[in-house]
Amino acid sequence: MWGWFGGGGAQKRKDSPKNAILGLRSQLDMLQKREKHLQNQIDEQEAIARKNVNSNKAAALTALRRKKNHEHSMEQTMKQIGTLEQQINSIESANINRETWAAMEKASKAMGDITHGLTPEKVDETMDKLREQNALSEEIVEAMSAPGIGQSVDEADLEAELEELQQEQLDEQMLKTGTVPVADAVHKMPSPANQEPVSSKKQTVEEDDDAELEKLRAEMAM
């Protein structure tokens, strides 16, 4: 019962402003046509009065009397037009206000449905969970991308690689010097005690220079 009568009543109330405006506009259109017709009658009677103003006074007065009657009808028609236009504007404004209010009411209900059960505390709780999940995800990525996963360092391999490097260094030294170094040459660098003193080297060089100079002097004397 309510679905038939309640729903139909709501639809009827919704269509009521539209139907009223349509009726008013139809009546307004009729009055505007009457206004044009009366204006034509007024112009016509005025033309008759002007035509007979000197030749037929009675006809001129009759035309003026009819003109006055048409002008009176015109005045009433224009008032009715003004009233209808005002009424149409009022109904349109009222209908717009109602539709606007209905739209705002629907928007308010939609906002209520969206935010139902949503509180700042729940939002903070959700954000904390998201931050924790993000941190955990980053830790997992770092753990998965760490080098050497599933591998162990073999100390014996390291020792063998070190000995190979030492042998390469020993071979290079032999090629450069042409001598075979002692057994511990790889591990020990030449110490200052085993090197020839700098002063002794300098003295030998100076003696060679002096001998060369004497030789040159003798050759020049000859």
C-alpha atoms as a PDB file:
ATOM      1  CA  MET A   1       0.000   0.000   0.000  1.00  0.00           C
ATOM      2  CA  TRP A   2       2.661   2.480   1.017  1.00  0.00           C
ATOM      3  CA  GLY A   3       4.726   1.650  -2.055  1.00  0.00           C
ATOM      4  CA  TRP A   4       1.828   2.586  -4.306  1.00  0.00           C
ATOM      5  CA  PHE A   5       0.432   5.606  -2.510  1.00  0.00           C
ATOM      6  CA  GLY A   6       3.557   6.878  -0.766  1.00  0.00           C
ATOM      7  CA  GLY A   7       5.766   6.629  -3.809  1.00  0.00           C
ATOM      8  CA  GLY A   8       3.111   8.105  -6.076  1.00  0.00           C
ATOM      9  CA  GLY A   9       2.534  10.986  -3.689  1.00  0.00           C
ATOM     10  CA  ALA A  10       6.226  11.808  -3.593  1.00  0.00           C
ATOM     11  CA  GLN A  11       6.412  11.803  -7.377  1.00  0.00           C
ATOM     12  CA  LYS A  12       3.285  13.955  -7.577  1.00  0.00           C
ATOM     13  CA  ARG A  13       4.796  16.493  -5.204  1.00  0.00           C
ATOM     14  CA  LYS A  14       7.963  16.513  -7.277  1.00  0.00           C
ATOM     15  CA  ASP A  15       6.029  17.108 -10.530  1.00  0.00           C
ATOM     16  CA  SER A  16       3.718  19.718  -9.005  1.00  0.00           C
ATOM     17  CA  PRO A  17       6.034  22.743  -9.510  1.00  0.00           C
ATOM     18  CA  LYS A  18       6.765  21.694 -13.083  1.00  0.00           C
ATOM     19  CA  ASN A  19       3.103  21.313 -13.911  1.00  0.00           C
ATOM     20  CA  ALA A  20       2.272  24.642 -12.292  1.00  0.00           C
ATOM     21  CA  ILE A  21       4.984  26.415 -14.278  1.00  0.00           C
ATOM     22  CA  LEU A  22       3.792  24.827 -17.508  1.00  0.00           C
ATOM     23  CA  GLY A  23       0.228  25.964 -16.816  1.00  0.00           C
ATOM     24  CA  LEU A  24       1.323  29.496 -15.966  1.00  0.00           C
ATOM     25  CA  ARG A  25       3.473  29.748 -19.079  1.00  0.00           C
ATOM     26  CA  SER A  26       0.589  28.582 -21.236  1.00  0.00           C
ATOM     27  CA  GLN A  27      -1.668  31.257 -19.739  1.00  0.00           C
ATOM     28  CA  LEU A  28       1.097  33.839 -20.106  1.00  0.00           C
ATOM     29  CA  ASP A  29       1.439  33.018 -23.780  1.00  0.00           C
ATOM     30  CA  MET A  30      -2.304  33.513 -24.267  1.00  0.00           C
ATOM     31  CA  LEU A  31      -2.245  36.892 -22.495  1.00  0.00           C
ATOM     32  CA  GLN A  32       0.703  38.073 -24.579  1.00  0.00           C
ATOM     33  CA  LYS A  33      -1.203  37.210 -27.738  1.00  0.00           C
ATOM     34  CA  ARG A  34      -4.231  39.135 -26.372  1.00  0.00           C
ATOM     35  CA  GLU A  35      -1.943  42.096 -25.675  1.00  0.00           C
ATOM     36  CA  LYS A  36      -0.827  42.189 -29.301  1.00  0.00           C
ATOM     37  CA  HIS A  37      -4.433  41.902 -30.507  1.00  0.00           C
ATOM     38  CA  LEU A  38      -5.590  44.760 -28.270  1.00  0.00           C
ATOM     39  CA  GLN A  39      -2.697  46.918 -29.445  1.00  0.00           C
ATOM     40  CA  ASN A  40      -3.768  46.345 -33.020  1.00  0.00           C
ATOM     41  CA  GLN A  41      -7.376  47.306 -32.099  1.00  0.00           C
ATOM     42  CA  ILE A  42      -6.193  50.468 -30.391  1.00  0.00           C
ATOM     43  CA  ASP A  43      -4.094  51.471 -33.412  1.00  0.00           C
ATOM     44  CA  GLU A  44      -7.011  50.734 -35.733  1.00  0.00           C
ATOM     45  CA  GLN A  45      -9.560  52.830 -33.758  1.00  0.00           C
ATOM     46  CA  GLU A  46      -7.116  55.685 -33.475  1.00  0.00           C
ATOM     47  CA  ALA A  47      -6.659  55.656 -37.246  1.00  0.00           C
ATOM     48  CA  ILE A  48     -10.476  55.778 -37.722  1.00  0.00           C
ATOM     49  CA  ALA A  49     -10.773  58.708 -35.308  1.00  0.00           C
ATOM     50  CA  ARG A  50      -8.067  60.639 -37.141  1.00  0.00           C
ATOM     51  CA  LYS A  51      -9.735  59.913 -40.463  1.00  0.00           C
ATOM     52  CA  ASN A  52     -13.142  61.212 -39.355  1.00  0.00           C
ATOM     53  CA  VAL A  53     -12.094  63.948 -36.941  1.00  0.00           C
ATOM     54  CA  ASN A  54     -13.293  66.683 -39.301  1.00  0.00           C
ATOM     55  CA  SER A  55     -15.688  64.947 -41.674  1.00  0.00           C
ATOM     56  CA  ASN A  56     -17.676  62.711 -39.303  1.00  0.00           C
ATOM     57  CA  LYS A  57     -17.533  63.743 -35.674  1.00  0.00           C
ATOM     58  CA  ALA A  58     -19.824  60.935 -34.479  1.00  0.00           C
ATOM     59  CA  ALA A  59     -17.696  58.261 -36.092  1.00  0.00           C
ATOM     60  CA  ALA A  60     -14.579  59.819 -34.619  1.00  0.00           C
ATOM     61  CA  LEU A  61     -16.069  59.815 -31.099  1.00  0.00           C
ATOM     62  CA  THR A  62     -17.211  56.211 -31.452  1.00  0.00           C
ATOM     63  CA  ALA A  63     -13.706  55.211 -32.518  1.00  0.00           C
ATOM     64  CA  LEU A  64     -12.166  57.047 -29.563  1.00  0.00           C
ATOM     65  CA  ARG A  65     -14.654  55.385 -27.190  1.00  0.00           C
ATOM     66  CA  ARG A  66     -13.698  51.958 -28.511  1.00  0.00           C
ATOM     67  CA  LYS A  67     -10.055  52.887 -28.247  1.00  0.00           C
ATOM     68  CA  LYS A  68     -10.520  53.736 -24.561  1.00  0.00           C
ATOM     69  CA  ASN A  69     -12.204  50.397 -23.935  1.00  0.00           C
ATOM     70  CA  HIS A  70      -9.354  48.556 -25.652  1.00  0.00           C
ATOM     71  CA  GLU A  71      -6.803  50.533 -23.668  1.00  0.00           C
ATOM     72  CA  HIS A  72      -8.574  49.588 -20.446  1.00  0.00           C
ATOM     73  CA  SER A  73      -8.505  45.901 -21.454  1.00  0.00           C
ATOM     74  CA  MET A  74      -4.863  46.318 -22.418  1.00  0.00           C
ATOM     75  CA  GLU A  75      -4.045  47.727 -18.989  1.00  0.00           C
ATOM     76  CA  GLN A  76      -5.741  44.794 -17.244  1.00  0.00           C
ATOM     77  CA  THR A  77      -4.007  42.304 -19.542  1.00  0.00           C
ATOM     78  CA  MET A  78      -0.581  43.810 -18.844  1.00  0.00           C
ATOM     79  CA  LYS A  79      -1.216  43.594 -15.102  1.00  0.00           C
ATOM     80  CA  GLN A  80      -2.171  39.958 -15.456  1.00  0.00           C
ATOM     81  CA  ILE A  81       0.979  39.322 -17.495  1.00  0.00           C
ATOM     82  CA  GLY A  82       3.090  40.938 -14.791  1.00  0.00           C
ATOM     83  CA  THR A  83       1.393  38.848 -12.093  1.00  0.00           C
ATOM     84  CA  LEU A  84       1.926  35.613 -14.009  1.00  0.00           C
ATOM     85  CA  GLU A  85       5.580  36.423 -14.692  1.00  0.00           C
ATOM     86  CA  GLN A  86       6.141  37.143 -11.011  1.00  0.00           C
ATOM     87  CA  GLN A  87       4.376  33.924 -10.026  1.00  0.00           C
ATOM     88  CA  ILE A  88       6.447  31.890 -12.477  1.00  0.00           C
ATOM     89  CA  ASN A  89       9.678  33.374 -11.111  1.00  0.00           C
ATOM     90  CA  SER A  90       8.593  32.647  -7.541  1.00  0.00           C
ATOM     91  CA  ILE A  91       7.744  29.020  -8.287  1.00  0.00           C
ATOM     92  CA  GLU A  92      10.977  28.516 -10.222  1.00  0.00           C
ATOM     93  CA  SER A  93      13.036  29.986  -7.365  1.00  0.00           C
ATOM     94  CA  ALA A  94      11.178  27.885  -4.797  1.00  0.00           C
ATOM     95  CA  ASN A  95      11.660  24.766  -6.903  1.00  0.00           C
ATOM     96  CA  ILE A  96      15.373  25.481  -7.345  1.00  0.00           C
ATOM     97  CA  ASN A  97      15.706  26.003  -3.591  1.00  0.00           C
ATOM     98  CA  ARG A  98      13.961  22.695  -2.916  1.00  0.00           C
ATOM     99  CA  GLU A  99      16.086  20.786  -5.413  1.00  0.00           C
ATOM    100  CA  THR A 100      19.237  22.390  -4.014  1.00  0.00           C
ATOM    101  CA  TRP A 101      18.231  21.423  -0.495  1.00  0.00           C
ATOM    102  CA  ALA A 102      17.482  17.857  -1.631  1.00  0.00           C
ATOM    103  CA  ALA A 103      20.908  17.614  -3.317  1.00  0.00           C
ATOM    104  CA  MET A 104      22.621  18.920  -0.181  1.00  0.00           C
ATOM    105  CA  GLU A 105      20.690  16.451   1.947  1.00  0.00           C
ATOM    106  CA  LYS A 106      21.818  13.578  -0.289  1.00  0.00           C
ATOM    107  CA  ALA A 107      25.405  14.822  -0.100  1.00  0.00           C
ATOM    108  CA  SER A 108      25.191  14.973   3.682  1.00  0.00           C
ATOM    109  CA  LYS A 109      23.873  11.404   3.804  1.00  0.00           C
ATOM    110  CA  ALA A 110      26.634  10.245   1.449  1.00  0.00           C
ATOM    111  CA  MET A 111      29.286  11.860   3.643  1.00  0.00           C
ATOM    112  CA  GLY A 112      27.750  10.166   6.655  1.00  0.00           C
ATOM    113  CA  ASP A 113      27.888   6.792   4.904  1.00  0.00           C
ATOM    114  CA  ILE A 114      31.499   7.348   3.868  1.00  0.00           C
ATOM    115  CA  THR A 115      32.724   8.404   7.298  1.00  0.00           C
ATOM    116  CA  HIS A 116      30.567   5.957   9.234  1.00  0.00           C
ATOM    117  CA  GLY A 117      32.687   4.380  11.953  1.00  0.00           C
ATOM    118  CA  LEU A 118      35.731   6.386  10.885  1.00  0.00           C
ATOM    119  CA  THR A 119      37.489   8.205  13.737  1.00  0.00           C
ATOM    120  CA  PRO A 120      40.857   9.978  14.077  1.00  0.00           C
ATOM    121  CA  GLU A 121      41.994   7.201  16.420  1.00  0.00           C
ATOM    122  CA  LYS A 122      41.265   4.529  13.806  1.00  0.00           C
ATOM    123  CA  VAL A 123      43.054   6.548  11.155  1.00  0.00           C
ATOM    124  CA  ASP A 124      46.137   6.876  13.391  1.00  0.00           C
ATOM    125  CA  GLU A 125      46.032   3.146  14.122  1.00  0.00           C
ATOM    126  CA  THR A 126      45.867   2.320  10.414  1.00  0.00           C
ATOM    127  CA  MET A 127      48.742   4.682   9.636  1.00  0.00           C
ATOM    128  CA  ASP A 128      50.882   3.072  12.352  1.00  0.00           C
ATOM    129  CA  LYS A 129      50.212  -0.355  10.870  1.00  0.00           C
ATOM    130  CA  LEU A 130      51.150   0.896   7.417  1.00  0.00           C
ATOM    131  CA  ARG A 131      54.407   2.355   8.730  1.00  0.00           C
ATOM    132  CA  GLU A 132      55.239  -0.938  10.454  1.00  0.00           C
ATOM    133  CA  GLN A 133      54.500  -2.911   7.296  1.00  0.00           C
ATOM    134  CA  ASN A 134      56.658  -0.563   5.227  1.00  0.00           C
ATOM    135  CA  ALA A 135      59.553  -0.871   7.667  1.00  0.00           C
ATOM    136  CA  LEU A 136      59.231  -4.662   7.665  1.00  0.00           C
ATOM    137  CA  SER A 137      59.156  -4.703   3.877  1.00  0.00           C
ATOM    138  CA  GLU A 138      62.355  -2.642   3.711  1.00  0.00           C
ATOM    139  CA  GLU A 139      64.096  -4.995   6.153  1.00  0.00           C
ATOM    140  CA  ILE A 140      63.057  -7.982   4.059  1.00  0.00           C
ATOM    141  CA  VAL A 141      64.383  -6.347   0.890  1.00  0.00           C
ATOM    142  CA  GLU A 142      67.695  -5.524   2.569  1.00  0.00           C
ATOM    143  CA  ALA A 143      68.018  -9.063   3.889  1.00  0.00           C
ATOM    144  CA  MET A 144      67.280 -10.571   0.483  1.00  0.00           C
ATOM    145  CA  SER A 145      69.755  -8.288  -1.283  1.00  0.00           C
ATOM    146  CA  ALA A 146      72.643  -8.843   1.195  1.00  0.00           C
ATOM    147  CA  PRO A 147      75.781 -10.247  -0.501  1.00  0.00           C
ATOM    148  CA  GLY A 148      77.041 -13.773   0.129  1.00  0.00           C
ATOM    149  CA  ILE A 149      73.747 -15.391   0.984  1.00  0.00           C
ATOM    150  CA  GLY A 150      74.262 -19.136   1.410  1.00  0.00           C
ATOM    151  CA  GLN A 151      78.055 -18.903   0.938  1.00  0.00           C
ATOM    152  CA  SER A 152      80.923 -19.378   3.439  1.00  0.00           C
ATOM    153  CA  VAL A 153      84.521 -18.178   3.082  1.00  0.00           C
ATOM    154  CA  ASP A 154      87.112 -20.978   2.770  1.00  0.00           C
ATOM    155  CA  GLU A 155      90.265 -19.973   4.680  1.00  0.00           C
ATOM    156  CA  ALA A 156      92.352 -22.518   2.738  1.00  0.00           C
ATOM    157  CA  ASP A 157      91.395 -20.854  -0.536  1.00  0.00           C
ATOM    158  CA  LEU A 158      92.460 -17.494   0.874  1.00  0.00           C
ATOM    159  CA  GLU A 159      95.862 -18.884   1.920  1.00  0.00           C
ATOM    160  CA  ALA A 160      96.395 -20.434  -1.507  1.00  0.00           C
ATOM    161  CA  GLU A 161      95.512 -17.145  -3.232  1.00  0.00           C
ATOM    162  CA  LEU A 162      97.929 -15.281  -0.947  1.00  0.00           C
ATOM    163  CA  GLU A 163     100.784 -17.692  -1.762  1.00  0.00           C
ATOM    164  CA  GLU A 164     100.073 -17.285  -5.467  1.00  0.00           C
ATOM    165  CA  LEU A 165     100.374 -13.496  -5.162  1.00  0.00           C
ATOM    166  CA  GLN A 166     103.642 -13.877  -3.257  1.00  0.00           C
ATOM    167  CA  GLN A 167     105.044 -16.158  -5.970  1.00  0.00           C
ATOM    168  CA  GLU A 168     104.090 -13.661  -8.686  1.00  0.00           C
ATOM    169  CA  GLN A 169     105.890 -10.908  -6.796  1.00  0.00           C
ATOM    170  CA  LEU A 170     108.976 -13.124  -6.415  1.00  0.00           C
ATOM    171  CA  ASP A 171     109.034 -13.920 -10.140  1.00  0.00           C
ATOM    172  CA  GLU A 172     108.815 -10.250 -11.044  1.00  0.00           C
ATOM    173  CA  GLN A 173     111.729  -9.437  -8.726  1.00  0.00           C
ATOM    174  CA  MET A 174     113.868 -12.177 -10.338  1.00  0.00           C
ATOM    175  CA  LEU A 175     113.183 -10.843 -13.822  1.00  0.00           C
ATOM    176  CA  LYS A 176     114.159  -7.307 -12.834  1.00  0.00           C
ATOM    177  CA  THR A 177     117.347  -8.043 -10.860  1.00  0.00           C
ATOM    178  CA  GLY A 178     118.540 -11.228 -12.508  1.00  0.00           C
ATOM    179  CA  THR A 179     119.323 -12.705  -9.079  1.00  0.00           C
ATOM    180  CA  VAL A 180     117.599 -15.259  -6.983  1.00  0.00           C
ATOM    181  CA  PRO A 181     116.497 -13.731  -3.671  1.00  0.00           C
ATOM    182  CA  VAL A 182     116.888 -15.519  -0.397  1.00  0.00           C
ATOM    183  CA  ALA A 183     114.039 -17.600   0.966  1.00  0.00           C
ATOM    184  CA  ASP A 184     112.544 -14.829   3.057  1.00  0.00           C
ATOM    185  CA  ALA A 185     112.898 -12.110   0.417  1.00  0.00           C
ATOM    186  CA  VAL A 186     109.181 -12.108  -0.142  1.00  0.00           C
ATOM    187  CA  HIS A 187     108.447 -11.308   3.471  1.00  0.00           C
ATOM    188  CA  LYS A 188     111.310  -8.898   4.230  1.00  0.00           C
ATOM    189  CA  MET A 189     112.196  -5.623   2.573  1.00  0.00           C
ATOM    190  CA  PRO A 190     115.880  -4.608   2.361  1.00  0.00           C
ATOM    191  CA  SER A 191     116.900  -2.908   5.600  1.00  0.00           C
ATOM    192  CA  PRO A 192     119.058   0.222   5.795  1.00  0.00           C
ATOM    193  CA  ALA A 193     121.809  -1.854   7.522  1.00  0.00           C
ATOM    194  CA  ASN A 194     122.248  -4.054   4.438  1.00  0.00           C
ATOM    195  CA  GLN A 195     122.444  -1.117   2.032  1.00  0.00           C
ATOM    196  CA  GLU A 196     125.666   0.619   1.059  1.00  0.00           C
ATOM    197  CA  PRO A 197     126.164   3.860   3.045  1.00  0.00           C
ATOM    198  CA  VAL A 198     125.273   6.997   1.168  1.00  0.00           C
ATOM    199  CA  SER A 199     128.501   8.748   2.193  1.00  0.00           C
ATOM    200  CA  SER A 200     130.632   5.929   0.733  1.00  0.00           C
ATOM    201  CA  LYS A 201     128.830   6.132  -2.577  1.00  0.00           C
ATOM    202  CA  LYS A 202     129.269   9.901  -2.642  1.00  0.00           C
ATOM    203  CA  GLN A 203     133.004   9.618  -1.968  1.00  0.00           C
ATOM    204  CA  THR A 204     133.506   7.126  -4.817  1.00  0.00           C
ATOM    205  CA  VAL A 205     131.711   9.422  -7.238  1.00  0.00           C
ATOM    206  CA  GLU A 206     133.836  12.388  -6.212  1.00  0.00           C
ATOM    207  CA  GLU A 207     137.076  10.381  -6.659  1.00  0.00           C
ATOM    208  CA  ASP A 208     136.004   9.360 -10.159  1.00  0.00           C
ATOM    209  CA  ASP A 209     135.286  12.990 -11.025  1.00  0.00           C
ATOM    210  CA  ASP A 210     138.722  14.092  -9.788  1.00  0.00           C
ATOM    211  CA  ALA A 211     140.459  11.432 -11.843  1.00  0.00           C
ATOM    212  CA  GLU A 212     138.574  12.433 -14.946  1.00  0.00           C
ATOM    213  CA  LEU A 213     139.518  16.069 -14.349  1.00  0.00           C
ATOM    214  CA  GLU A 214     143.250  15.248 -14.005  1.00  0.00           C
ATOM    215  CA  LYS A 215     143.134  13.226 -17.194  1.00  0.00           C
ATOM    216  CA  LEU A 216     141.601  16.167 -19.038  1.00  0.00           C
ATOM    217  CA  ARG A 217     144.257  18.587 -17.737  1.00  0.00           C
ATOM    218  CA  ALA A 218     147.071  16.277 -18.878  1.00  0.00           C
ATOM    219  CA  GLU A 219     145.646  16.034 -22.351  1.00  0.00           C
ATOM    220  CA  MET A 220     145.409  19.834 -22.609  1.00  0.00           C
ATOM    221  CA  ALA A 221     149.027  20.268 -21.497  1.00  0.00           C
ATOM    222  CA  MET A 222     150.207  18.035 -24.265  1.00  0.00           C
END
